[in-house]
PDB file of N, CA and C in Angstrom:
ATOM      1  N   UNK A   1      -8.120 -16.468  -4.833  1.00  0.00           N
ATOM      2  CA  UNK A   1      -7.676 -15.764  -5.971  1.00  0.00           C
ATOM      3  C   UNK A   1      -8.829 -15.397  -7.004  1.00  0.00           C
ATOM      4  N   UNK A   2      -9.876 -16.140  -6.938  1.00  0.00           N
ATOM      5  CA  UNK A   2     -10.993 -15.929  -7.699  1.00  0.00           C
ATOM      6  C   UNK A   2     -11.685 -14.591  -7.305  1.00  0.00           C
ATOM      7  N   UNK A   3     -11.693 -14.356  -5.882  1.00  0.00           N
ATOM      8  CA  UNK A   3     -12.266 -13.109  -5.312  1.00  0.00           C
ATOM      9  C   UNK A   3     -11.461 -11.857  -5.656  1.00  0.00           C
ATOM     10  N   UNK A   4     -10.179 -12.227  -5.732  1.00  0.00           N
ATOM     11  CA  UNK A   4      -9.288 -10.861  -6.118  1.00  0.00           C
ATOM     12  C   UNK A   4      -9.487 -10.413  -7.607  1.00  0.00           C
ATOM     13  N   UNK A   5      -9.602 -11.419  -8.546  1.00  0.00           N
ATOM     14  CA  UNK A   5      -9.968 -11.264  -9.714  1.00  0.00           C
ATOM     15  C   UNK A   5     -11.222 -10.504 -10.079  1.00  0.00           C
ATOM     16  N   UNK A   6     -12.174 -11.009  -9.351  1.00  0.00           N
ATOM     17  CA  UNK A   6     -13.586 -10.431  -9.491  1.00  0.00           C
ATOM     18  C   UNK A   6     -13.688  -8.784  -8.929  1.00  0.00           C
ATOM     19  N   UNK A   7     -12.904  -8.812  -7.797  1.00  0.00           N
ATOM     20  CA  UNK A   7     -12.781  -7.294  -7.382  1.00  0.00           C
ATOM     21  C   UNK A   7     -11.928  -6.335  -8.244  1.00  0.00           C
ATOM     22  N   UNK A   8     -11.078  -6.878  -8.994  1.00  0.00           N
ATOM     23  CA  UNK A   8     -10.255  -6.094  -9.951  1.00  0.00           C
ATOM     24  C   UNK A   8     -11.092  -6.022 -11.082  1.00  0.00           C
ATOM     25  N   UNK A   9     -11.958  -6.945 -11.585  1.00  0.00           N
ATOM     26  CA  UNK A   9     -12.622  -6.797 -12.648  1.00  0.00           C
ATOM     27  C   UNK A   9     -13.853  -5.781 -12.560  1.00  0.00           C
ATOM     28  N   UNK A  10     -14.396  -5.677 -11.537  1.00  0.00           N
ATOM     29  CA  UNK A  10     -15.547  -4.819 -11.113  1.00  0.00           C
ATOM     30  C   UNK A  10     -15.002  -3.290 -10.664  1.00  0.00           C
ATOM     31  N   UNK A  11     -13.777  -3.071 -10.522  1.00  0.00           N
ATOM     32  CA  UNK A  11     -13.193  -1.959 -10.134  1.00  0.00           C
ATOM     33  C   UNK A  11     -12.986  -1.082 -11.275  1.00  0.00           C
ATOM     34  N   UNK A  12     -12.413   0.080 -11.042  1.00  0.00           N
ATOM     35  CA  UNK A  12     -12.133   1.231 -11.978  1.00  0.00           C
ATOM     36  C   UNK A  12     -11.083   0.690 -13.009  1.00  0.00           C
ATOM     37  N   UNK A  13     -10.113  -0.265 -12.604  1.00  0.00           N
ATOM     38  CA  UNK A  13      -9.006  -0.723 -13.375  1.00  0.00           C
ATOM     39  C   UNK A  13      -9.446  -1.957 -14.309  1.00  0.00           C
ATOM     40  N   UNK A  14     -10.823  -2.345 -14.210  1.00  0.00           N
ATOM     41  CA  UNK A  14     -11.255  -3.542 -14.871  1.00  0.00           C
ATOM     42  C   UNK A  14     -11.118  -3.525 -16.260  1.00  0.00           C
ATOM     43  N   UNK A  15     -11.433  -2.515 -17.191  1.00  0.00           N
ATOM     44  CA  UNK A  15     -11.300  -2.583 -18.565  1.00  0.00           C
ATOM     45  C   UNK A  15      -9.852  -2.279 -19.059  1.00  0.00           C
ATOM     46  N   UNK A  16      -9.002  -2.093 -18.120  1.00  0.00           N
ATOM     47  CA  UNK A  16      -7.604  -1.592 -18.546  1.00  0.00           C
ATOM     48  C   UNK A  16      -6.802  -2.805 -19.005  1.00  0.00           C
ATOM     49  N   UNK A  17      -5.737  -2.649 -19.759  1.00  0.00           N
ATOM     50  CA  UNK A  17      -4.797  -3.704 -20.222  1.00  0.00           C
ATOM     51  C   UNK A  17      -4.246  -4.490 -18.963  1.00  0.00           C
ATOM     52  N   UNK A  18      -3.777  -5.707 -19.168  1.00  0.00           N
ATOM     53  CA  UNK A  18      -3.276  -6.464 -17.982  1.00  0.00           C
ATOM     54  C   UNK A  18      -1.888  -5.932 -17.591  1.00  0.00           C
ATOM     55  N   UNK A  19      -1.252  -5.166 -18.432  1.00  0.00           N
ATOM     56  CA  UNK A  19      -0.026  -4.589 -17.975  1.00  0.00           C
ATOM     57  C   UNK A  19      -0.300  -3.330 -16.961  1.00  0.00           C
ATOM     58  N   UNK A  20      -1.259  -2.626 -17.262  1.00  0.00           N
ATOM     59  CA  UNK A  20      -1.693  -1.549 -16.305  1.00  0.00           C
ATOM     60  C   UNK A  20      -2.123  -2.061 -15.081  1.00  0.00           C
ATOM     61  N   UNK A  21      -2.978  -3.096 -15.209  1.00  0.00           N
ATOM     62  CA  UNK A  21      -3.525  -3.790 -13.969  1.00  0.00           C
ATOM     63  C   UNK A  21      -2.371  -4.065 -12.972  1.00  0.00           C
ATOM     64  N   UNK A  22      -1.344  -4.745 -13.579  1.00  0.00           N
ATOM     65  CA  UNK A  22      -0.089  -5.091 -12.902  1.00  0.00           C
ATOM     66  C   UNK A  22       0.624  -4.072 -12.316  1.00  0.00           C
ATOM     67  N   UNK A  23       0.647  -2.992 -12.980  1.00  0.00           N
ATOM     68  CA  UNK A  23       1.461  -1.583 -12.456  1.00  0.00           C
ATOM     69  C   UNK A  23       0.544  -1.189 -11.154  1.00  0.00           C
ATOM     70  N   UNK A  24      -0.906  -1.177 -11.513  1.00  0.00           N
ATOM     71  CA  UNK A  24      -1.574  -0.545 -10.346  1.00  0.00           C
ATOM     72  C   UNK A  24      -1.423  -1.465  -9.101  1.00  0.00           C
ATOM     73  N   UNK A  25      -1.494  -2.838  -9.361  1.00  0.00           N
ATOM     74  CA  UNK A  25      -1.488  -3.681  -8.142  1.00  0.00           C
ATOM     75  C   UNK A  25      -0.050  -3.608  -7.488  1.00  0.00           C
ATOM     76  N   UNK A  26       1.042  -3.564  -8.211  1.00  0.00           N
ATOM     77  CA  UNK A  26       2.332  -3.435  -7.788  1.00  0.00           C
ATOM     78  C   UNK A  26       2.474  -2.140  -6.770  1.00  0.00           C
ATOM     79  N   UNK A  27       1.853  -1.077  -7.580  1.00  0.00           N
ATOM     80  CA  UNK A  27       1.921   0.290  -6.881  1.00  0.00           C
ATOM     81  C   UNK A  27       1.277   0.048  -5.408  1.00  0.00           C
ATOM     82  N   UNK A  28      -0.015  -0.289  -5.349  1.00  0.00           N
ATOM     83  CA  UNK A  28      -0.796  -0.731  -4.265  1.00  0.00           C
ATOM     84  C   UNK A  28       0.058  -1.509  -3.251  1.00  0.00           C
ATOM     85  N   UNK A  29       0.515  -2.627  -3.738  1.00  0.00           N
ATOM     86  CA  UNK A  29       1.335  -3.343  -2.723  1.00  0.00           C
ATOM     87  C   UNK A  29       2.550  -2.736  -2.221  1.00  0.00           C
ATOM     88  N   UNK A  30       3.174  -1.949  -2.932  1.00  0.00           N
ATOM     89  CA  UNK A  30       4.480  -1.213  -2.388  1.00  0.00           C
ATOM     90  C   UNK A  30       4.123  -0.175  -1.462  1.00  0.00           C
ATOM     91  N   UNK A  31       2.814   0.562  -1.595  1.00  0.00           N
ATOM     92  CA  UNK A  31       2.405   1.517  -0.628  1.00  0.00           C
ATOM     93  C   UNK A  31       2.041   0.888   0.544  1.00  0.00           C
ATOM     94  N   UNK A  32       1.380  -0.129   0.640  1.00  0.00           N
ATOM     95  CA  UNK A  32       0.820  -0.845   1.669  1.00  0.00           C
ATOM     96  C   UNK A  32       2.143  -1.519   2.470  1.00  0.00           C
ATOM     97  N   UNK A  33       2.881  -2.053   1.819  1.00  0.00           N
ATOM     98  CA  UNK A  33       4.140  -2.698   2.490  1.00  0.00           C
ATOM     99  C   UNK A  33       4.947  -1.606   3.102  1.00  0.00           C
ATOM    100  N   UNK A  34       5.154  -0.408   2.582  1.00  0.00           N
ATOM    101  CA  UNK A  34       5.952   0.645   3.139  1.00  0.00           C
ATOM    102  C   UNK A  34       5.291   1.392   4.290  1.00  0.00           C
ATOM    103  N   UNK A  35       3.918   1.211   4.329  1.00  0.00           N
ATOM    104  CA  UNK A  35       3.304   1.614   5.641  1.00  0.00           C
ATOM    105  C   UNK A  35       3.257   0.738   6.637  1.00  0.00           C
ATOM    106  N   UNK A  36       3.376  -0.726   6.286  1.00  0.00           N
ATOM    107  CA  UNK A  36       3.320  -1.600   7.416  1.00  0.00           C
ATOM    108  C   UNK A  36       4.994  -1.558   8.067  1.00  0.00           C
ATOM    109  N   UNK A  37       5.847  -1.310   7.064  1.00  0.00           N
ATOM    110  CA  UNK A  37       7.248  -1.146   7.516  1.00  0.00           C
ATOM    111  C   UNK A  37       7.345  -0.062   8.519  1.00  0.00           C
ATOM    112  N   UNK A  38       6.803   1.182   8.124  1.00  0.00           N
ATOM    113  CA  UNK A  38       6.846   2.370   9.096  1.00  0.00           C
ATOM    114  C   UNK A  38       6.096   2.022  10.214  1.00  0.00           C
ATOM    115  N   UNK A  39       4.866   1.440  10.257  1.00  0.00           N
ATOM    116  CA  UNK A  39       4.309   0.984  11.546  1.00  0.00           C
ATOM    117  C   UNK A  39       5.080   0.320  12.404  1.00  0.00           C
ATOM    118  N   UNK A  40       5.857  -0.637  11.758  1.00  0.00           N
ATOM    119  CA  UNK A  40       6.584  -1.626  12.570  1.00  0.00           C
ATOM    120  C   UNK A  40       7.693  -0.880  13.222  1.00  0.00           C
ATOM    121  N   UNK A  41       8.397  -0.072  12.533  1.00  0.00           N
ATOM    122  CA  UNK A  41       9.495   0.692  13.085  1.00  0.00           C
ATOM    123  C   UNK A  41       9.113   1.736  14.255  1.00  0.00           C
ATOM    124  N   UNK A  42       7.827   2.317  14.017  1.00  0.00           N
ATOM    125  CA  UNK A  42       7.329   3.142  14.772  1.00  0.00           C
ATOM    126  C   UNK A  42       7.035   2.385  16.179  1.00  0.00           C
ATOM    127  N   UNK A  43       6.423   1.337  16.111  1.00  0.00           N
ATOM    128  CA  UNK A  43       6.113   0.403  17.298  1.00  0.00           C
ATOM    129  C   UNK A  43       7.422   0.090  18.010  1.00  0.00           C
ATOM    130  N   UNK A  44       8.392  -0.254  17.273  1.00  0.00           N
ATOM    131  CA  UNK A  44       9.623  -0.691  17.845  1.00  0.00           C
ATOM    132  C   UNK A  44      10.615   0.378  18.437  1.00  0.00           C
ATOM    133  N   UNK A  45      10.415   1.327  17.735  1.00  0.00           N
ATOM    134  CA  UNK A  45      11.436   2.513  18.165  1.00  0.00           C
ATOM    135  C   UNK A  45      10.657   3.770  18.694  1.00  0.00           C
ATOM    136  N   UNK A  46       9.381   3.730  18.803  1.00  0.00           N
ATOM    137  CA  UNK A  46       8.678   4.886  18.993  1.00  0.00           C
ATOM    138  C   UNK A  46       8.928   5.521  20.532  1.00  0.00           C
ATOM    139  N   UNK A  47       9.275   4.772  21.335  1.00  0.00           N
ATOM    140  CA  UNK A  47       9.556   5.226  22.659  1.00  0.00           C
ATOM    141  C   UNK A  47      10.755   6.094  22.714  1.00  0.00           C
ATOM    142  N   UNK A  48      11.704   5.876  21.898  1.00  0.00           N
ATOM    143  CA  UNK A  48      12.858   6.732  21.958  1.00  0.00           C
ATOM    144  C   UNK A  48      13.018   7.865  21.188  1.00  0.00           C
ATOM    145  N   UNK A  49      11.904   8.159  20.369  1.00  0.00           N
ATOM    146  CA  UNK A  49      11.810   9.347  19.406  1.00  0.00           C
ATOM    147  C   UNK A  49      11.419  10.490  20.112  1.00  0.00           C
ATOM    148  N   UNK A  50      12.143  11.746  19.739  1.00  0.00           N
ATOM    149  CA  UNK A  50      11.844  12.923  20.364  1.00  0.00           C
ATOM    150  C   UNK A  50      10.995  13.792  19.288  1.00  0.00           C
ATOM    151  N   UNK A  51      10.106  14.395  19.665  1.00  0.00           N
ATOM    152  CA  UNK A  51       9.139  15.416  18.758  1.00  0.00           C
ATOM    153  C   UNK A  51       9.385  16.722  19.122  1.00  0.00           C
ATOM    154  N   UNK A  52       9.615  17.606  18.144  1.00  0.00           N
ATOM    155  CA  UNK A  52       9.707  19.004  18.281  1.00  0.00           C
ATOM    156  C   UNK A  52       8.696  19.678  17.438  1.00  0.00           C
ATOM    157  N   UNK A  53       7.904  20.340  18.089  1.00  0.00           N
ATOM    158  CA  UNK A  53       6.901  21.186  17.108  1.00  0.00           C
ATOM    159  C   UNK A  53       7.362  22.430  17.067  1.00  0.00           C
ATOM    160  N   UNK A  54       7.177  23.080  15.912  1.00  0.00           N
ATOM    161  CA  UNK A  54       7.635  24.483  15.591  1.00  0.00           C
ATOM    162  C   UNK A  54       7.626  24.790  14.235  1.00  0.00           C
ATOM    163  N   UNK A  55       8.112  26.089  13.941  1.00  0.00           N
ATOM    164  CA  UNK A  55       8.158  26.481  12.474  1.00  0.00           C
ATOM    165  C   UNK A  55       9.369  26.143  11.862  1.00  0.00           C
TER     166      UNK A  55
END
């Protein structure tokens, strides 16, 4: 936990208020979790997908 606090303090959001830090961290966690969910769905169901390239 100390490592995470040190990384946040030395980053661009370090001098911001703790509320804004929480919002930024929550946004980052939501983006990463949605990417992991999409990757999981692609791995599980990727073989049944059909891709169409065109305009």
